[in-house]
């Protein structure tokens, strides 16, 4: 596969309105490492839900960074917080443009150094520490995100939206007892599943609609294309949002 171009670029319009985040097709590997500790201090549990990106710029101490990662067929997605650094490189914020990117600014925006090294021999085929790059991975997925959120069985290309690069009328943090929140394609628990939103993920609130009552509220929020969740499990900033 050749060096990737954006799957979805941000449209040029009023930033106060909904603006889709930068999205790239990237190779994802499974992190595993159950029992270990991430760069953010999180202890990894079985079937955990988070992702790792190869830069400390997206660790929680610098903000709440969340990605939407989807199968390339679009059948399942997960909104997952960034809690670890990796794979391969540790200073490759490839989602940023050259003037901001910490290293490898000669590469196109959205192209991980590991991908360029593996596919095109960039940097002699090695990562920033001089190791020979054995796959083009641009992010790691925790086991629960990999197996349960996306239903993957092996390393795979996925579509990754860097949610902090977009805008929406409001934002919210997914707040559950720990388990991920099920995404629905409509405003009720009988609507087909579309994946998960992990506990702690910060998600855009594009619009709101009335639906099935859950824990005393009938409000359902659309957090992405065709993705609805009950507002009972969101901690919103309470900015005004349009009706879906």
C-alpha atoms as a PDB file:
ATOM      1  CA  UNK A   1       0.000   0.000   0.000  1.00  0.00           C
ATOM      2  CA  UNK A   2       1.397   3.395  -0.955  1.00  0.00           C
ATOM      3  CA  UNK A   3       1.675   6.408   1.338  1.00  0.00           C
ATOM      4  CA  UNK A   4      -1.841   7.337   2.406  1.00  0.00           C
ATOM      5  CA  UNK A   5      -3.790  10.514   1.755  1.00  0.00           C
ATOM      6  CA  UNK A   6      -6.522  11.781   4.052  1.00  0.00           C
ATOM      7  CA  UNK A   7      -9.739   9.782   3.883  1.00  0.00           C
ATOM      8  CA  UNK A   8     -11.659  12.841   5.035  1.00  0.00           C
ATOM      9  CA  UNK A   9     -10.269  16.364   5.076  1.00  0.00           C
ATOM     10  CA  UNK A  10     -11.762  19.172   7.110  1.00  0.00           C
ATOM     11  CA  UNK A  11     -14.114  21.361   5.078  1.00  0.00           C
ATOM     12  CA  UNK A  12     -13.441  25.092   4.900  1.00  0.00           C
ATOM     13  CA  UNK A  13     -16.352  26.806   6.576  1.00  0.00           C
ATOM     14  CA  UNK A  14     -17.380  28.645   9.744  1.00  0.00           C
ATOM     15  CA  UNK A  15     -15.530  26.962  12.636  1.00  0.00           C
ATOM     16  CA  UNK A  16     -18.470  27.657  14.928  1.00  0.00           C
ATOM     17  CA  UNK A  17     -20.430  25.040  13.010  1.00  0.00           C
ATOM     18  CA  UNK A  18     -19.780  21.309  12.782  1.00  0.00           C
ATOM     19  CA  UNK A  19     -16.358  20.692  11.252  1.00  0.00           C
ATOM     20  CA  UNK A  20     -15.281  17.120  10.608  1.00  0.00           C
ATOM     21  CA  UNK A  21     -11.932  16.086  12.086  1.00  0.00           C
ATOM     22  CA  UNK A  22      -8.901  15.072  10.071  1.00  0.00           C
ATOM     23  CA  UNK A  23      -9.195  11.379   9.238  1.00  0.00           C
ATOM     24  CA  UNK A  24      -6.550   9.038   7.842  1.00  0.00           C
ATOM     25  CA  UNK A  25      -6.379   5.373   6.889  1.00  0.00           C
ATOM     26  CA  UNK A  26      -3.709   3.843   9.120  1.00  0.00           C
ATOM     27  CA  UNK A  27      -2.340   0.428  10.018  1.00  0.00           C
ATOM     28  CA  UNK A  28      -3.311  -0.655  13.543  1.00  0.00           C
ATOM     29  CA  UNK A  29      -1.761  -3.313  15.746  1.00  0.00           C
ATOM     30  CA  UNK A  30      -2.949  -4.790  19.051  1.00  0.00           C
ATOM     31  CA  UNK A  31      -1.172  -3.504  22.153  1.00  0.00           C
ATOM     32  CA  UNK A  32      -1.905  -6.259  24.674  1.00  0.00           C
ATOM     33  CA  UNK A  33       0.456  -5.802  27.662  1.00  0.00           C
ATOM     34  CA  UNK A  34      -2.279  -6.644  30.215  1.00  0.00           C
ATOM     35  CA  UNK A  35      -1.049  -5.799  33.700  1.00  0.00           C
ATOM     36  CA  UNK A  36       1.371  -3.188  32.433  1.00  0.00           C
ATOM     37  CA  UNK A  37       1.161   0.562  32.873  1.00  0.00           C
ATOM     38  CA  UNK A  38       0.662   3.051  30.058  1.00  0.00           C
ATOM     39  CA  UNK A  39       2.603   6.292  29.638  1.00  0.00           C
ATOM     40  CA  UNK A  40      -0.369   8.087  31.227  1.00  0.00           C
ATOM     41  CA  UNK A  41      -0.207   5.909  34.354  1.00  0.00           C
ATOM     42  CA  UNK A  42      -3.203   3.723  33.489  1.00  0.00           C
ATOM     43  CA  UNK A  43      -2.900   0.070  34.501  1.00  0.00           C
ATOM     44  CA  UNK A  44      -3.936  -2.081  31.557  1.00  0.00           C
ATOM     45  CA  UNK A  45      -6.722  -4.583  32.291  1.00  0.00           C
ATOM     46  CA  UNK A  46      -8.150  -7.409  30.224  1.00  0.00           C
ATOM     47  CA  UNK A  47     -10.278  -6.257  27.250  1.00  0.00           C
ATOM     48  CA  UNK A  48      -9.241  -2.653  27.907  1.00  0.00           C
ATOM     49  CA  UNK A  49     -10.430   0.279  25.771  1.00  0.00           C
ATOM     50  CA  UNK A  50      -7.899   2.938  24.709  1.00  0.00           C
ATOM     51  CA  UNK A  51      -5.370   3.637  21.971  1.00  0.00           C
ATOM     52  CA  UNK A  52      -1.693   4.551  21.748  1.00  0.00           C
ATOM     53  CA  UNK A  53      -0.284   7.183  19.391  1.00  0.00           C
ATOM     54  CA  UNK A  54       3.460   7.712  18.814  1.00  0.00           C
ATOM     55  CA  UNK A  55       3.738  11.056  20.616  1.00  0.00           C
ATOM     56  CA  UNK A  56       3.433  12.311  24.223  1.00  0.00           C
ATOM     57  CA  UNK A  57       1.551  15.385  22.929  1.00  0.00           C
ATOM     58  CA  UNK A  58      -1.740  13.495  23.252  1.00  0.00           C
ATOM     59  CA  UNK A  59      -1.365  12.141  26.787  1.00  0.00           C
ATOM     60  CA  UNK A  60      -4.123  13.114  29.281  1.00  0.00           C
ATOM     61  CA  UNK A  61      -1.957  15.629  31.156  1.00  0.00           C
ATOM     62  CA  UNK A  62      -2.075  17.815  28.045  1.00  0.00           C
ATOM     63  CA  UNK A  63      -5.843  17.483  27.526  1.00  0.00           C
ATOM     64  CA  UNK A  64      -8.504  14.909  26.753  1.00  0.00           C
ATOM     65  CA  UNK A  65      -7.541  13.433  23.381  1.00  0.00           C
ATOM     66  CA  UNK A  66      -9.854  10.932  21.733  1.00  0.00           C
ATOM     67  CA  UNK A  67      -9.896   9.234  18.343  1.00  0.00           C
ATOM     68  CA  UNK A  68     -12.698   7.579  16.440  1.00  0.00           C
ATOM     69  CA  UNK A  69     -11.304   4.410  14.912  1.00  0.00           C
ATOM     70  CA  UNK A  70     -13.437   2.487  12.407  1.00  0.00           C
ATOM     71  CA  UNK A  71     -13.173  -0.610  10.302  1.00  0.00           C
ATOM     72  CA  UNK A  72     -12.568   0.335   6.677  1.00  0.00           C
ATOM     73  CA  UNK A  73     -15.988  -1.108   5.771  1.00  0.00           C
ATOM     74  CA  UNK A  74     -17.518   1.287   8.317  1.00  0.00           C
ATOM     75  CA  UNK A  75     -19.501  -1.462  10.049  1.00  0.00           C
ATOM     76  CA  UNK A  76     -18.031  -0.849  13.531  1.00  0.00           C
ATOM     77  CA  UNK A  77     -16.282   2.058  15.220  1.00  0.00           C
ATOM     78  CA  UNK A  78     -14.953   2.940  18.635  1.00  0.00           C
ATOM     79  CA  UNK A  79     -14.381   6.328  20.256  1.00  0.00           C
ATOM     80  CA  UNK A  80     -11.357   5.712  22.462  1.00  0.00           C
ATOM     81  CA  UNK A  81      -9.108   7.924  24.628  1.00  0.00           C
ATOM     82  CA  UNK A  82      -5.377   8.181  23.947  1.00  0.00           C
ATOM     83  CA  UNK A  83      -3.594   6.807  27.027  1.00  0.00           C
ATOM     84  CA  UNK A  84      -0.270   5.473  25.742  1.00  0.00           C
ATOM     85  CA  UNK A  85       2.662   6.271  23.454  1.00  0.00           C
ATOM     86  CA  UNK A  86       3.576   4.043  20.506  1.00  0.00           C
ATOM     87  CA  UNK A  87       3.988   2.076  18.306  1.00  0.00           C
ATOM     88  CA  UNK A  88       7.568   2.298  17.007  1.00  0.00           C
ATOM     89  CA  UNK A  89       8.230   6.004  17.459  1.00  0.00           C
ATOM     90  CA  UNK A  90       7.696   8.261  20.453  1.00  0.00           C
ATOM     91  CA  UNK A  91       7.964  11.718  18.822  1.00  0.00           C
ATOM     92  CA  UNK A  92       5.961  11.336  15.631  1.00  0.00           C
ATOM     93  CA  UNK A  93       2.818  13.484  15.844  1.00  0.00           C
ATOM     94  CA  UNK A  94       2.077  12.768  12.190  1.00  0.00           C
ATOM     95  CA  UNK A  95      -1.448  14.274  12.322  1.00  0.00           C
ATOM     96  CA  UNK A  96       0.151  17.724  12.631  1.00  0.00           C
ATOM     97  CA  UNK A  97       1.479  19.751   9.675  1.00  0.00           C
ATOM     98  CA  UNK A  98       5.207  20.094   9.042  1.00  0.00           C
ATOM     99  CA  UNK A  99       5.575  23.350  10.963  1.00  0.00           C
ATOM    100  CA  UNK A 100       4.212  21.735  14.125  1.00  0.00           C
ATOM    101  CA  UNK A 101       5.296  18.107  13.767  1.00  0.00           C
ATOM    102  CA  UNK A 102       8.071  17.287  16.246  1.00  0.00           C
ATOM    103  CA  UNK A 103      10.060  15.095  13.830  1.00  0.00           C
ATOM    104  CA  UNK A 104       9.919  13.874  10.228  1.00  0.00           C
ATOM    105  CA  UNK A 105       8.479  17.118   8.874  1.00  0.00           C
ATOM    106  CA  UNK A 106       9.445  16.147   5.330  1.00  0.00           C
ATOM    107  CA  UNK A 107       6.704  13.525   5.298  1.00  0.00           C
ATOM    108  CA  UNK A 108       3.159  14.400   4.205  1.00  0.00           C
ATOM    109  CA  UNK A 109       0.765  15.233   7.016  1.00  0.00           C
ATOM    110  CA  UNK A 110      -1.081  12.090   8.103  1.00  0.00           C
ATOM    111  CA  UNK A 111       1.709   9.679   7.154  1.00  0.00           C
ATOM    112  CA  UNK A 112       3.346   7.925  10.141  1.00  0.00           C
ATOM    113  CA  UNK A 113       7.121   7.609   9.957  1.00  0.00           C
ATOM    114  CA  UNK A 114       6.790   3.858  10.489  1.00  0.00           C
ATOM    115  CA  UNK A 115       4.576   3.580   7.428  1.00  0.00           C
ATOM    116  CA  UNK A 116       6.995   5.559   5.277  1.00  0.00           C
ATOM    117  CA  UNK A 117       9.946   3.544   6.589  1.00  0.00           C
ATOM    118  CA  UNK A 118       8.237   0.203   5.962  1.00  0.00           C
ATOM    119  CA  UNK A 119       6.743   0.991   2.567  1.00  0.00           C
ATOM    120  CA  UNK A 120       9.286   3.362   1.030  1.00  0.00           C
ATOM    121  CA  UNK A 121      12.533   2.957   2.976  1.00  0.00           C
ATOM    122  CA  UNK A 122      12.281   6.379   4.619  1.00  0.00           C
ATOM    123  CA  UNK A 123      15.049   6.918   7.207  1.00  0.00           C
ATOM    124  CA  UNK A 124      16.742   3.797   5.909  1.00  0.00           C
ATOM    125  CA  UNK A 125      13.720   1.728   6.887  1.00  0.00           C
ATOM    126  CA  UNK A 126      14.311   2.441  10.582  1.00  0.00           C
ATOM    127  CA  UNK A 127      12.399   4.177  13.365  1.00  0.00           C
ATOM    128  CA  UNK A 128      13.690   7.064  15.495  1.00  0.00           C
ATOM    129  CA  UNK A 129      15.676   4.633  17.686  1.00  0.00           C
ATOM    130  CA  UNK A 130      17.334   2.909  14.750  1.00  0.00           C
ATOM    131  CA  UNK A 131      15.228  -0.251  14.820  1.00  0.00           C
ATOM    132  CA  UNK A 132      14.219  -1.850  11.527  1.00  0.00           C
ATOM    133  CA  UNK A 133      10.492  -1.200  11.069  1.00  0.00           C
ATOM    134  CA  UNK A 134       8.660  -4.507  10.610  1.00  0.00           C
ATOM    135  CA  UNK A 135       5.162  -3.151   9.951  1.00  0.00           C
ATOM    136  CA  UNK A 136       3.617   0.220   9.009  1.00  0.00           C
ATOM    137  CA  UNK A 137       1.682   0.704  12.265  1.00  0.00           C
ATOM    138  CA  UNK A 138       0.552   4.235  13.113  1.00  0.00           C
ATOM    139  CA  UNK A 139      -1.340   3.344  16.288  1.00  0.00           C
ATOM    140  CA  UNK A 140      -1.892   0.549  18.804  1.00  0.00           C
ATOM    141  CA  UNK A 141      -5.325  -0.566  19.972  1.00  0.00           C
ATOM    142  CA  UNK A 142      -6.004  -1.971  23.436  1.00  0.00           C
ATOM    143  CA  UNK A 143      -7.437  -5.490  23.390  1.00  0.00           C
ATOM    144  CA  UNK A 144     -11.053  -4.472  24.031  1.00  0.00           C
ATOM    145  CA  UNK A 145     -10.933  -1.834  21.300  1.00  0.00           C
ATOM    146  CA  UNK A 146      -9.298  -4.309  18.910  1.00  0.00           C
ATOM    147  CA  UNK A 147     -11.434  -7.399  19.575  1.00  0.00           C
ATOM    148  CA  UNK A 148     -14.733  -6.068  20.917  1.00  0.00           C
ATOM    149  CA  UNK A 149     -15.056  -2.522  19.630  1.00  0.00           C
ATOM    150  CA  UNK A 150     -13.986  -3.251  16.044  1.00  0.00           C
ATOM    151  CA  UNK A 151     -14.205  -7.026  15.893  1.00  0.00           C
ATOM    152  CA  UNK A 152     -10.715  -7.380  14.418  1.00  0.00           C
ATOM    153  CA  UNK A 153      -8.849 -10.695  14.402  1.00  0.00           C
ATOM    154  CA  UNK A 154      -5.486  -9.429  13.192  1.00  0.00           C
ATOM    155  CA  UNK A 155      -3.533  -6.260  12.476  1.00  0.00           C
ATOM    156  CA  UNK A 156      -5.438  -4.204   9.948  1.00  0.00           C
ATOM    157  CA  UNK A 157      -5.859  -0.874   8.226  1.00  0.00           C
ATOM    158  CA  UNK A 158      -8.503   1.282   9.914  1.00  0.00           C
ATOM    159  CA  UNK A 159      -9.903   4.784   9.458  1.00  0.00           C
ATOM    160  CA  UNK A 160      -8.851   7.064  12.319  1.00  0.00           C
ATOM    161  CA  UNK A 161     -10.437  10.450  13.041  1.00  0.00           C
ATOM    162  CA  UNK A 162      -8.418  12.753  15.307  1.00  0.00           C
ATOM    163  CA  UNK A 163     -11.412  14.274  17.052  1.00  0.00           C
ATOM    164  CA  UNK A 164      -9.593  17.263  18.562  1.00  0.00           C
ATOM    165  CA  UNK A 165      -8.905  18.591  15.044  1.00  0.00           C
ATOM    166  CA  UNK A 166     -12.620  19.094  14.384  1.00  0.00           C
ATOM    167  CA  UNK A 167     -15.304  21.211  16.000  1.00  0.00           C
ATOM    168  CA  UNK A 168     -18.877  20.564  17.095  1.00  0.00           C
ATOM    169  CA  UNK A 169     -21.612  22.560  18.834  1.00  0.00           C
ATOM    170  CA  UNK A 170     -20.764  20.849  22.139  1.00  0.00           C
ATOM    171  CA  UNK A 171     -18.495  18.174  23.591  1.00  0.00           C
ATOM    172  CA  UNK A 172     -19.089  15.532  26.234  1.00  0.00           C
ATOM    173  CA  UNK A 173     -17.169  12.931  28.209  1.00  0.00           C
ATOM    174  CA  UNK A 174     -18.487   9.369  28.226  1.00  0.00           C
ATOM    175  CA  UNK A 175     -19.156   8.476  31.858  1.00  0.00           C
ATOM    176  CA  UNK A 176     -20.076   4.895  32.744  1.00  0.00           C
ATOM    177  CA  UNK A 177     -19.200   2.526  35.557  1.00  0.00           C
ATOM    178  CA  UNK A 178     -16.223   1.461  33.444  1.00  0.00           C
ATOM    179  CA  UNK A 179     -17.667  -0.605  30.608  1.00  0.00           C
ATOM    180  CA  UNK A 180     -17.796   0.971  27.146  1.00  0.00           C
ATOM    181  CA  UNK A 181     -21.026   2.580  25.966  1.00  0.00           C
ATOM    182  CA  UNK A 182     -22.759   0.917  23.020  1.00  0.00           C
ATOM    183  CA  UNK A 183     -23.146   3.033  19.893  1.00  0.00           C
ATOM    184  CA  UNK A 184     -26.554   2.796  18.246  1.00  0.00           C
ATOM    185  CA  UNK A 185     -27.653   3.713  14.737  1.00  0.00           C
ATOM    186  CA  UNK A 186     -30.836   5.242  16.137  1.00  0.00           C
ATOM    187  CA  UNK A 187     -32.307   6.707  19.307  1.00  0.00           C
ATOM    188  CA  UNK A 188     -33.138   3.543  21.232  1.00  0.00           C
ATOM    189  CA  UNK A 189     -31.640   0.368  22.637  1.00  0.00           C
ATOM    190  CA  UNK A 190     -33.267  -1.741  19.919  1.00  0.00           C
ATOM    191  CA  UNK A 191     -31.454   0.151  17.143  1.00  0.00           C
ATOM    192  CA  UNK A 192     -28.566  -1.840  15.614  1.00  0.00           C
ATOM    193  CA  UNK A 193     -25.176  -1.619  17.324  1.00  0.00           C
ATOM    194  CA  UNK A 194     -22.383   0.286  15.580  1.00  0.00           C
ATOM    195  CA  UNK A 195     -19.528  -0.221  18.062  1.00  0.00           C
ATOM    196  CA  UNK A 196     -18.535   1.450  21.324  1.00  0.00           C
ATOM    197  CA  UNK A 197     -17.631   4.728  22.984  1.00  0.00           C
ATOM    198  CA  UNK A 198     -15.097   3.984  25.711  1.00  0.00           C
ATOM    199  CA  UNK A 199     -15.477   5.280  29.242  1.00  0.00           C
ATOM    200  CA  UNK A 200     -13.509   8.529  29.497  1.00  0.00           C
ATOM    201  CA  UNK A 201     -13.634   9.315  25.774  1.00  0.00           C
ATOM    202  CA  UNK A 202     -14.316  12.952  24.886  1.00  0.00           C
ATOM    203  CA  UNK A 203     -16.805  13.013  22.035  1.00  0.00           C
ATOM    204  CA  UNK A 204     -18.412  15.703  19.872  1.00  0.00           C
ATOM    205  CA  UNK A 205     -22.130  16.365  20.297  1.00  0.00           C
ATOM    206  CA  UNK A 206     -23.410  17.193  16.832  1.00  0.00           C
ATOM    207  CA  UNK A 207     -27.138  17.300  17.591  1.00  0.00           C
ATOM    208  CA  UNK A 208     -29.736  15.854  19.942  1.00  0.00           C
ATOM    209  CA  UNK A 209     -32.988  13.957  19.438  1.00  0.00           C
ATOM    210  CA  UNK A 210     -35.776  12.455  21.502  1.00  0.00           C
ATOM    211  CA  UNK A 211     -35.781   8.696  21.895  1.00  0.00           C
ATOM    212  CA  UNK A 212     -36.185   5.814  24.290  1.00  0.00           C
ATOM    213  CA  UNK A 213     -36.010   6.783  27.957  1.00  0.00           C
ATOM    214  CA  UNK A 214     -32.805   5.662  29.689  1.00  0.00           C
ATOM    215  CA  UNK A 215     -32.250   6.376  33.382  1.00  0.00           C
ATOM    216  CA  UNK A 216     -34.794   9.176  33.334  1.00  0.00           C
ATOM    217  CA  UNK A 217     -33.772  10.977  30.144  1.00  0.00           C
ATOM    218  CA  UNK A 218     -35.182  10.676  26.633  1.00  0.00           C
ATOM    219  CA  UNK A 219     -32.344  12.680  25.047  1.00  0.00           C
ATOM    220  CA  UNK A 220     -30.047  10.888  22.607  1.00  0.00           C
ATOM    221  CA  UNK A 221     -27.019  12.654  21.146  1.00  0.00           C
ATOM    222  CA  UNK A 222     -25.440  12.054  17.767  1.00  0.00           C
ATOM    223  CA  UNK A 223     -21.673  11.958  18.271  1.00  0.00           C
ATOM    224  CA  UNK A 224     -20.654  10.982  14.749  1.00  0.00           C
ATOM    225  CA  UNK A 225     -22.102   9.908  11.390  1.00  0.00           C
ATOM    226  CA  UNK A 226     -24.977   7.593  12.308  1.00  0.00           C
ATOM    227  CA  UNK A 227     -23.722   7.137  15.898  1.00  0.00           C
ATOM    228  CA  UNK A 228     -26.174   7.822  18.735  1.00  0.00           C
ATOM    229  CA  UNK A 229     -25.749   7.396  22.496  1.00  0.00           C
ATOM    230  CA  UNK A 230     -28.083   8.092  25.396  1.00  0.00           C
ATOM    231  CA  UNK A 231     -27.323  11.365  27.141  1.00  0.00           C
ATOM    232  CA  UNK A 232     -27.692   9.503  30.434  1.00  0.00           C
ATOM    233  CA  UNK A 233     -24.056   8.429  30.010  1.00  0.00           C
ATOM    234  CA  UNK A 234     -22.587  11.730  28.839  1.00  0.00           C
ATOM    235  CA  UNK A 235     -21.181  14.591  30.888  1.00  0.00           C
ATOM    236  CA  UNK A 236     -21.821  17.551  28.612  1.00  0.00           C
ATOM    237  CA  UNK A 237     -20.628  21.137  28.829  1.00  0.00           C
ATOM    238  CA  UNK A 238     -24.252  22.075  28.085  1.00  0.00           C
ATOM    239  CA  UNK A 239     -23.688  24.358  25.135  1.00  0.00           C
ATOM    240  CA  UNK A 240     -26.739  24.633  22.878  1.00  0.00           C
ATOM    241  CA  UNK A 241     -26.905  22.030  20.105  1.00  0.00           C
ATOM    242  CA  UNK A 242     -29.338  21.717  17.185  1.00  0.00           C
ATOM    243  CA  UNK A 243     -32.079  19.126  16.915  1.00  0.00           C
ATOM    244  CA  UNK A 244     -31.116  16.188  14.701  1.00  0.00           C
END
